[in-house]
Amino acid sequence: MNFLRMDFSEKGVYCLIFENRDCVIEVGKKGPFSFSEGFHIYTGSALGPGGMKRVKRHIDLSLKGDKNPKWHVDYLHLNSSFRLACAVCAGTSARLECELARRLGGDSVSGFGCTDCTCRSHLFYRKENPLSEIKGVFEAFGLRAVVLEC
């Protein structure tokens, strides 16, 4: 795990990149979601008092699977068809989570991870690994992306 260049107390935004097999997952009260084999990108913010410790929680949950699901994305962490490949993070106090989601766009899982905003989704699908695409989006916002490989 590459935690050396990340200050987890800092506020920021992040994208989680999952690699997955075809599957159907029951996501709490939202019900079943179908996922195609490939990669899924989840956009999130870490602007609360814990800052980027939220990203560390995501990584720990994927590795240990030792907590009950709190957010939609937790159901992906806890499902054996999904593997967290990496997290892309950047320090900022700006509210860029929804802008990141809009900029990524494309195939998405409607209503996933966006109950506290007006976005269509915060979970996006790609057939190929989207790491370079995500780094480009961060760069377009003037953010210095830190990649945490899992």
N, C-alpha and C. Protein backbone atom coordinates (compact mmCIF):
# COMPACT_ATOMS: atom_id res chain seq x y z
N MET A 1 0.84 -1.18 0.00
CA MET A 1 0.00 0.00 0.00
C MET A 1 0.89 1.23 0.00
N ASN A 2 0.59 2.17 -0.85
CA ASN A 2 1.39 3.39 -0.99
C ASN A 2 0.76 4.53 -0.20
N PHE A 3 0.96 4.54 1.13
CA PHE A 3 0.41 5.58 1.97
C PHE A 3 1.41 6.70 2.24
N LEU A 4 2.64 6.57 1.77
CA LEU A 4 3.71 7.47 2.17
C LEU A 4 3.47 8.92 1.78
N ARG A 5 2.82 9.18 0.65
CA ARG A 5 2.66 10.56 0.18
C ARG A 5 1.27 11.12 0.46
N MET A 6 0.52 10.51 1.36
CA MET A 6 -0.84 10.94 1.60
C MET A 6 -1.01 11.40 3.04
N ASP A 7 -1.48 12.62 3.20
CA ASP A 7 -1.82 13.12 4.53
C ASP A 7 -3.31 12.86 4.72
N PHE A 8 -3.65 11.86 5.51
CA PHE A 8 -5.05 11.45 5.65
C PHE A 8 -5.89 12.43 6.45
N SER A 9 -5.27 13.41 7.10
CA SER A 9 -6.06 14.41 7.81
C SER A 9 -6.51 15.52 6.86
N GLU A 10 -5.90 15.58 5.68
CA GLU A 10 -6.23 16.60 4.68
C GLU A 10 -7.61 16.34 4.09
N LYS A 11 -8.32 17.39 3.74
CA LYS A 11 -9.61 17.28 3.06
C LYS A 11 -9.36 17.08 1.57
N GLY A 12 -10.34 16.48 0.87
CA GLY A 12 -10.13 16.29 -0.55
C GLY A 12 -11.25 15.56 -1.26
N VAL A 13 -10.93 15.10 -2.46
CA VAL A 13 -11.83 14.30 -3.29
C VAL A 13 -11.08 13.05 -3.71
N TYR A 14 -11.85 12.04 -4.11
CA TYR A 14 -11.21 10.78 -4.50
C TYR A 14 -12.08 10.02 -5.47
N CYS A 15 -11.43 9.10 -6.17
CA CYS A 15 -12.11 8.11 -7.00
C CYS A 15 -11.58 6.74 -6.59
N LEU A 16 -12.48 5.81 -6.41
CA LEU A 16 -12.10 4.42 -6.16
C LEU A 16 -12.28 3.66 -7.47
N ILE A 17 -11.29 2.88 -7.83
CA ILE A 17 -11.39 2.06 -9.04
C ILE A 17 -11.50 0.60 -8.62
N PHE A 18 -12.63 0.00 -9.00
CA PHE A 18 -12.87 -1.42 -8.74
C PHE A 18 -12.76 -2.19 -10.04
N GLU A 19 -12.21 -3.39 -9.95
CA GLU A 19 -12.27 -4.34 -11.07
C GLU A 19 -13.27 -5.41 -10.64
N ASN A 20 -14.15 -5.82 -11.56
CA ASN A 20 -15.19 -6.76 -11.14
C ASN A 20 -15.60 -7.73 -12.23
N ARG A 21 -16.23 -8.82 -11.78
CA ARG A 21 -16.86 -9.80 -12.66
C ARG A 21 -18.33 -9.43 -12.82
N ASP A 22 -19.00 -10.03 -13.81
CA ASP A 22 -20.45 -9.88 -13.93
C ASP A 22 -21.09 -10.34 -12.62
N CYS A 23 -22.05 -9.57 -12.12
CA CYS A 23 -22.71 -9.97 -10.89
C CYS A 23 -23.96 -9.12 -10.66
N VAL A 24 -24.76 -9.56 -9.72
CA VAL A 24 -25.89 -8.79 -9.21
C VAL A 24 -25.68 -8.67 -7.71
N ILE A 25 -25.77 -7.44 -7.20
CA ILE A 25 -25.55 -7.20 -5.78
C ILE A 25 -26.77 -6.47 -5.20
N GLU A 26 -27.21 -6.93 -4.05
CA GLU A 26 -28.27 -6.28 -3.30
C GLU A 26 -27.63 -5.14 -2.51
N VAL A 27 -28.07 -3.91 -2.78
CA VAL A 27 -27.48 -2.73 -2.15
C VAL A 27 -28.50 -2.12 -1.19
N GLY A 28 -28.52 -2.65 0.02
CA GLY A 28 -29.41 -2.14 1.06
C GLY A 28 -30.83 -1.94 0.58
N LYS A 29 -31.42 -0.80 0.93
CA LYS A 29 -32.79 -0.48 0.56
C LYS A 29 -32.95 -0.14 -0.91
N LYS A 30 -31.83 0.09 -1.62
CA LYS A 30 -31.88 0.40 -3.05
C LYS A 30 -32.24 -0.83 -3.89
N GLY A 31 -32.02 -2.01 -3.32
CA GLY A 31 -32.35 -3.24 -4.04
C GLY A 31 -31.21 -3.76 -4.88
N PRO A 32 -31.55 -4.65 -5.85
CA PRO A 32 -30.50 -5.29 -6.65
C PRO A 32 -29.99 -4.40 -7.77
N PHE A 33 -28.68 -4.46 -8.01
CA PHE A 33 -28.01 -3.77 -9.11
C PHE A 33 -27.24 -4.81 -9.91
N SER A 34 -27.31 -4.71 -11.22
CA SER A 34 -26.53 -5.59 -12.11
C SER A 34 -25.26 -4.87 -12.54
N PHE A 35 -24.15 -5.57 -12.51
CA PHE A 35 -22.87 -5.00 -12.88
C PHE A 35 -22.23 -5.85 -13.97
N SER A 36 -21.77 -5.19 -15.04
CA SER A 36 -21.05 -5.88 -16.11
C SER A 36 -19.59 -6.01 -15.74
N GLU A 37 -18.95 -7.05 -16.24
CA GLU A 37 -17.53 -7.26 -16.00
C GLU A 37 -16.73 -6.08 -16.55
N GLY A 38 -15.75 -5.64 -15.79
CA GLY A 38 -14.90 -4.52 -16.21
C GLY A 38 -14.42 -3.75 -15.00
N PHE A 39 -14.55 -2.43 -15.09
CA PHE A 39 -14.09 -1.53 -14.04
C PHE A 39 -15.21 -0.57 -13.67
N HIS A 40 -15.31 -0.27 -12.39
CA HIS A 40 -16.27 0.72 -11.92
C HIS A 40 -15.51 1.79 -11.13
N ILE A 41 -15.89 3.04 -11.37
CA ILE A 41 -15.25 4.20 -10.73
C ILE A 41 -16.28 4.83 -9.81
N TYR A 42 -15.93 4.97 -8.55
CA TYR A 42 -16.79 5.64 -7.58
C TYR A 42 -16.16 6.98 -7.23
N THR A 43 -16.92 8.07 -7.33
CA THR A 43 -16.41 9.39 -6.94
C THR A 43 -16.92 9.73 -5.55
N GLY A 44 -16.04 10.28 -4.73
CA GLY A 44 -16.43 10.65 -3.37
C GLY A 44 -15.68 11.88 -2.89
N SER A 45 -16.18 12.43 -1.79
CA SER A 45 -15.50 13.57 -1.19
C SER A 45 -15.11 13.22 0.23
N ALA A 46 -14.09 13.90 0.70
CA ALA A 46 -13.59 13.71 2.05
C ALA A 46 -13.40 15.10 2.66
N LEU A 47 -14.51 15.83 2.78
CA LEU A 47 -14.46 17.21 3.25
C LEU A 47 -14.84 17.35 4.72
N GLY A 48 -15.24 16.24 5.34
CA GLY A 48 -15.63 16.28 6.75
C GLY A 48 -14.42 16.37 7.66
N PRO A 49 -14.66 16.33 8.97
CA PRO A 49 -13.57 16.50 9.94
C PRO A 49 -12.49 15.43 9.86
N GLY A 50 -12.82 14.23 9.37
CA GLY A 50 -11.81 13.18 9.26
C GLY A 50 -10.95 13.29 8.02
N GLY A 51 -11.39 14.13 7.07
CA GLY A 51 -10.63 14.29 5.83
C GLY A 51 -10.49 12.98 5.08
N MET A 52 -9.30 12.74 4.54
CA MET A 52 -9.03 11.58 3.71
C MET A 52 -8.99 10.26 4.49
N LYS A 53 -9.23 10.32 5.79
CA LYS A 53 -9.34 9.06 6.55
C LYS A 53 -10.49 8.24 5.99
N ARG A 54 -11.43 8.89 5.32
CA ARG A 54 -12.53 8.17 4.67
C ARG A 54 -11.98 7.22 3.61
N VAL A 55 -10.96 7.65 2.88
CA VAL A 55 -10.36 6.79 1.86
C VAL A 55 -9.68 5.59 2.52
N LYS A 56 -9.00 5.85 3.61
CA LYS A 56 -8.36 4.76 4.35
C LYS A 56 -9.41 3.76 4.82
N ARG A 57 -10.57 4.25 5.25
CA ARG A 57 -11.66 3.37 5.66
C ARG A 57 -12.10 2.49 4.49
N HIS A 58 -12.23 3.07 3.29
CA HIS A 58 -12.62 2.30 2.11
C HIS A 58 -11.60 1.19 1.84
N ILE A 59 -10.34 1.54 1.88
CA ILE A 59 -9.28 0.56 1.61
C ILE A 59 -9.30 -0.55 2.66
N ASP A 60 -9.40 -0.16 3.93
CA ASP A 60 -9.45 -1.16 5.00
C ASP A 60 -10.65 -2.08 4.86
N LEU A 61 -11.80 -1.51 4.48
CA LEU A 61 -13.01 -2.33 4.34
C LEU A 61 -12.83 -3.35 3.21
N SER A 62 -12.21 -2.94 2.11
CA SER A 62 -11.96 -3.88 1.02
C SER A 62 -11.00 -4.98 1.43
N LEU A 63 -10.00 -4.64 2.22
CA LEU A 63 -9.00 -5.62 2.63
C LEU A 63 -9.52 -6.55 3.72
N LYS A 64 -10.24 -6.00 4.69
CA LYS A 64 -10.64 -6.78 5.85
C LYS A 64 -12.09 -7.24 5.82
N GLY A 65 -12.97 -6.46 5.19
CA GLY A 65 -14.40 -6.81 5.16
C GLY A 65 -15.01 -6.94 6.53
N ASP A 66 -14.54 -6.12 7.48
CA ASP A 66 -14.91 -6.30 8.89
C ASP A 66 -15.93 -5.30 9.43
N LYS A 67 -16.61 -4.56 8.54
CA LYS A 67 -17.61 -3.60 9.01
C LYS A 67 -18.91 -3.81 8.25
N ASN A 68 -19.99 -3.37 8.87
CA ASN A 68 -21.27 -3.41 8.17
C ASN A 68 -21.31 -2.26 7.17
N PRO A 69 -22.04 -2.43 6.05
CA PRO A 69 -22.12 -1.36 5.05
C PRO A 69 -22.78 -0.11 5.60
N LYS A 70 -22.15 1.04 5.31
CA LYS A 70 -22.68 2.34 5.74
C LYS A 70 -23.13 3.14 4.52
N TRP A 71 -22.38 3.05 3.41
CA TRP A 71 -22.68 3.77 2.18
C TRP A 71 -22.89 2.75 1.05
N HIS A 72 -23.51 3.21 -0.04
CA HIS A 72 -23.75 2.32 -1.19
C HIS A 72 -22.47 1.60 -1.61
N VAL A 73 -21.37 2.33 -1.70
CA VAL A 73 -20.12 1.76 -2.19
C VAL A 73 -19.60 0.64 -1.27
N ASP A 74 -19.99 0.65 -0.01
CA ASP A 74 -19.54 -0.40 0.91
C ASP A 74 -19.98 -1.79 0.44
N TYR A 75 -21.12 -1.87 -0.22
CA TYR A 75 -21.61 -3.15 -0.72
C TYR A 75 -20.67 -3.71 -1.80
N LEU A 76 -20.01 -2.83 -2.53
CA LEU A 76 -19.02 -3.30 -3.52
C LEU A 76 -17.78 -3.83 -2.81
N HIS A 77 -17.32 -3.09 -1.79
CA HIS A 77 -16.15 -3.54 -1.03
C HIS A 77 -16.36 -4.93 -0.46
N LEU A 78 -17.58 -5.22 -0.03
CA LEU A 78 -17.87 -6.46 0.69
C LEU A 78 -18.25 -7.62 -0.22
N ASN A 79 -18.35 -7.38 -1.52
CA ASN A 79 -18.75 -8.44 -2.44
C ASN A 79 -17.52 -9.06 -3.11
N SER A 80 -17.47 -10.38 -3.13
CA SER A 80 -16.29 -11.07 -3.68
C SER A 80 -16.13 -10.89 -5.19
N SER A 81 -17.15 -10.40 -5.89
CA SER A 81 -17.03 -10.15 -7.33
C SER A 81 -16.30 -8.84 -7.62
N PHE A 82 -16.12 -8.01 -6.60
CA PHE A 82 -15.44 -6.72 -6.75
C PHE A 82 -14.10 -6.74 -6.02
N ARG A 83 -13.10 -6.11 -6.66
CA ARG A 83 -11.78 -5.95 -6.03
C ARG A 83 -11.37 -4.50 -6.19
N LEU A 84 -11.06 -3.84 -5.08
CA LEU A 84 -10.57 -2.46 -5.13
C LEU A 84 -9.17 -2.47 -5.72
N ALA A 85 -9.00 -1.88 -6.90
CA ALA A 85 -7.70 -1.86 -7.57
C ALA A 85 -6.84 -0.72 -7.03
N CYS A 86 -7.43 0.47 -6.91
CA CYS A 86 -6.69 1.60 -6.37
C CYS A 86 -7.64 2.74 -6.04
N ALA A 87 -7.10 3.71 -5.33
CA ALA A 87 -7.81 4.95 -5.02
C ALA A 87 -6.98 6.09 -5.57
N VAL A 88 -7.63 7.04 -6.20
CA VAL A 88 -6.97 8.24 -6.70
C VAL A 88 -7.49 9.39 -5.88
N CYS A 89 -6.59 10.10 -5.19
CA CYS A 89 -6.98 11.15 -4.25
C CYS A 89 -6.29 12.46 -4.56
N ALA A 90 -6.91 13.54 -4.13
CA ALA A 90 -6.27 14.85 -4.23
C ALA A 90 -6.78 15.74 -3.11
N GLY A 91 -5.87 16.47 -2.51
CA GLY A 91 -6.24 17.41 -1.47
C GLY A 91 -6.89 18.65 -2.05
N THR A 92 -8.02 19.04 -1.48
CA THR A 92 -8.72 20.27 -1.85
C THR A 92 -9.82 20.52 -0.85
N SER A 93 -10.16 21.77 -0.64
CA SER A 93 -11.32 22.08 0.19
C SER A 93 -12.52 22.43 -0.69
N ALA A 94 -12.32 22.43 -2.01
CA ALA A 94 -13.41 22.72 -2.95
C ALA A 94 -14.35 21.52 -3.07
N ARG A 95 -15.61 21.80 -3.26
CA ARG A 95 -16.62 20.74 -3.43
C ARG A 95 -16.63 20.28 -4.89
N LEU A 96 -15.74 19.34 -5.22
CA LEU A 96 -15.56 18.90 -6.61
C LEU A 96 -16.11 17.51 -6.90
N GLU A 97 -16.66 16.84 -5.91
CA GLU A 97 -17.14 15.47 -6.11
C GLU A 97 -18.13 15.38 -7.27
N CYS A 98 -19.12 16.25 -7.29
CA CYS A 98 -20.14 16.19 -8.36
C CYS A 98 -19.55 16.62 -9.70
N GLU A 99 -18.64 17.58 -9.68
CA GLU A 99 -17.98 17.99 -10.93
C GLU A 99 -17.14 16.84 -11.50
N LEU A 100 -16.46 16.11 -10.62
CA LEU A 100 -15.71 14.93 -11.07
C LEU A 100 -16.66 13.92 -11.70
N ALA A 101 -17.80 13.69 -11.05
CA ALA A 101 -18.78 12.74 -11.57
C ALA A 101 -19.28 13.19 -12.95
N ARG A 102 -19.58 14.47 -13.10
CA ARG A 102 -20.06 14.97 -14.39
C ARG A 102 -18.99 14.85 -15.47
N ARG A 103 -17.75 15.16 -15.11
CA ARG A 103 -16.66 15.10 -16.08
C ARG A 103 -16.38 13.67 -16.51
N LEU A 104 -16.47 12.72 -15.57
CA LEU A 104 -16.25 11.31 -15.92
C LEU A 104 -17.38 10.82 -16.82
N GLY A 105 -18.61 11.03 -16.38
CA GLY A 105 -19.78 10.69 -17.18
C GLY A 105 -19.73 9.32 -17.82
N GLY A 106 -20.48 9.14 -18.87
CA GLY A 106 -20.52 7.87 -19.57
C GLY A 106 -21.46 6.89 -18.91
N ASP A 107 -21.23 5.60 -19.19
CA ASP A 107 -22.09 4.57 -18.60
C ASP A 107 -22.03 4.66 -17.09
N SER A 108 -23.22 4.72 -16.47
CA SER A 108 -23.25 4.84 -15.01
C SER A 108 -24.33 3.93 -14.43
N VAL A 109 -24.26 3.77 -13.12
CA VAL A 109 -25.24 2.99 -12.38
C VAL A 109 -26.18 4.00 -11.73
N SER A 110 -27.34 4.18 -12.32
CA SER A 110 -28.28 5.23 -11.94
C SER A 110 -28.64 5.18 -10.45
N GLY A 111 -28.53 6.34 -9.80
CA GLY A 111 -28.92 6.47 -8.41
C GLY A 111 -27.92 5.96 -7.40
N PHE A 112 -26.75 5.55 -7.85
CA PHE A 112 -25.76 4.94 -6.95
C PHE A 112 -24.83 6.00 -6.37
N GLY A 113 -24.81 6.10 -5.04
CA GLY A 113 -23.85 6.96 -4.35
C GLY A 113 -24.15 8.44 -4.42
N CYS A 114 -25.37 8.82 -4.78
CA CYS A 114 -25.66 10.24 -4.96
C CYS A 114 -26.97 10.66 -4.29
N THR A 115 -27.24 10.10 -3.13
CA THR A 115 -28.48 10.42 -2.44
C THR A 115 -28.48 11.82 -1.83
N ASP A 116 -27.30 12.42 -1.67
CA ASP A 116 -27.23 13.75 -1.06
C ASP A 116 -26.94 14.86 -2.08
N CYS A 117 -27.19 14.58 -3.37
CA CYS A 117 -26.98 15.59 -4.41
C CYS A 117 -27.96 15.33 -5.55
N THR A 118 -27.85 16.11 -6.62
CA THR A 118 -28.77 15.96 -7.75
C THR A 118 -28.14 15.21 -8.93
N CYS A 119 -26.97 14.63 -8.73
CA CYS A 119 -26.32 13.88 -9.81
C CYS A 119 -27.10 12.62 -10.14
N ARG A 120 -26.93 12.18 -11.38
CA ARG A 120 -27.55 10.91 -11.82
C ARG A 120 -26.87 9.72 -11.15
N SER A 121 -25.57 9.81 -10.94
CA SER A 121 -24.81 8.72 -10.35
C SER A 121 -23.44 9.21 -9.91
N HIS A 122 -22.83 8.45 -9.01
CA HIS A 122 -21.43 8.65 -8.66
C HIS A 122 -20.65 7.36 -8.89
N LEU A 123 -21.23 6.43 -9.68
CA LEU A 123 -20.56 5.18 -10.01
C LEU A 123 -20.64 4.97 -11.52
N PHE A 124 -19.46 4.82 -12.13
CA PHE A 124 -19.35 4.78 -13.59
C PHE A 124 -18.65 3.51 -14.04
N TYR A 125 -19.02 3.04 -15.23
CA TYR A 125 -18.50 1.80 -15.77
C TYR A 125 -17.53 2.07 -16.92
N ARG A 126 -16.47 1.28 -16.97
CA ARG A 126 -15.53 1.28 -18.09
C ARG A 126 -15.16 -0.17 -18.39
N LYS A 127 -14.95 -0.48 -19.66
CA LYS A 127 -14.48 -1.83 -20.04
C LYS A 127 -13.01 -2.00 -19.72
N GLU A 128 -12.25 -0.92 -19.88
CA GLU A 128 -10.80 -0.94 -19.66
C GLU A 128 -10.44 -0.14 -18.41
N ASN A 129 -9.26 -0.39 -17.88
CA ASN A 129 -8.80 0.32 -16.68
C ASN A 129 -8.80 1.83 -16.92
N PRO A 130 -9.52 2.60 -16.09
CA PRO A 130 -9.67 4.04 -16.31
C PRO A 130 -8.65 4.91 -15.56
N LEU A 131 -7.58 4.33 -15.04
CA LEU A 131 -6.66 5.11 -14.21
C LEU A 131 -6.12 6.35 -14.93
N SER A 132 -5.65 6.21 -16.15
CA SER A 132 -5.09 7.38 -16.85
C SER A 132 -6.17 8.42 -17.13
N GLU A 133 -7.39 7.98 -17.44
CA GLU A 133 -8.51 8.90 -17.64
C GLU A 133 -8.78 9.71 -16.37
N ILE A 134 -8.81 9.04 -15.24
CA ILE A 134 -9.10 9.71 -13.97
C ILE A 134 -7.99 10.69 -13.62
N LYS A 135 -6.75 10.28 -13.80
CA LYS A 135 -5.64 11.20 -13.54
C LYS A 135 -5.75 12.44 -14.42
N GLY A 136 -6.18 12.28 -15.67
CA GLY A 136 -6.38 13.40 -16.58
C GLY A 136 -7.48 14.34 -16.10
N VAL A 137 -8.56 13.78 -15.56
CA VAL A 137 -9.66 14.60 -15.04
C VAL A 137 -9.17 15.40 -13.82
N PHE A 138 -8.45 14.76 -12.93
CA PHE A 138 -7.90 15.46 -11.77
C PHE A 138 -7.00 16.61 -12.23
N GLU A 139 -6.14 16.32 -13.20
CA GLU A 139 -5.24 17.33 -13.74
C GLU A 139 -6.01 18.50 -14.36
N ALA A 140 -7.11 18.21 -15.05
CA ALA A 140 -7.93 19.27 -15.66
C ALA A 140 -8.52 20.20 -14.60
N PHE A 141 -8.71 19.70 -13.39
CA PHE A 141 -9.19 20.53 -12.28
C PHE A 141 -8.05 21.19 -11.52
N GLY A 142 -6.82 20.97 -11.97
CA GLY A 142 -5.67 21.56 -11.30
C GLY A 142 -5.30 20.84 -10.02
N LEU A 143 -5.70 19.58 -9.90
CA LEU A 143 -5.43 18.79 -8.71
C LEU A 143 -4.25 17.86 -8.92
N ARG A 144 -3.46 17.67 -7.90
CA ARG A 144 -2.33 16.74 -7.94
C ARG A 144 -2.82 15.39 -7.44
N ALA A 145 -2.96 14.45 -8.34
CA ALA A 145 -3.50 13.13 -8.01
C ALA A 145 -2.44 12.27 -7.32
N VAL A 146 -2.85 11.62 -6.25
CA VAL A 146 -2.02 10.63 -5.56
C VAL A 146 -2.74 9.29 -5.75
N VAL A 147 -2.02 8.31 -6.28
CA VAL A 147 -2.61 7.00 -6.52
C VAL A 147 -2.18 6.07 -5.40
N LEU A 148 -3.19 5.51 -4.70
CA LEU A 148 -2.94 4.54 -3.64
C LEU A 148 -3.30 3.17 -4.20
N GLU A 149 -2.29 2.36 -4.46
CA GLU A 149 -2.54 1.03 -5.01
C GLU A 149 -2.89 0.06 -3.90
N CYS A 150 -3.89 -0.77 -4.16
CA CYS A 150 -4.38 -1.66 -3.11
C CYS A 150 -3.94 -3.10 -3.37
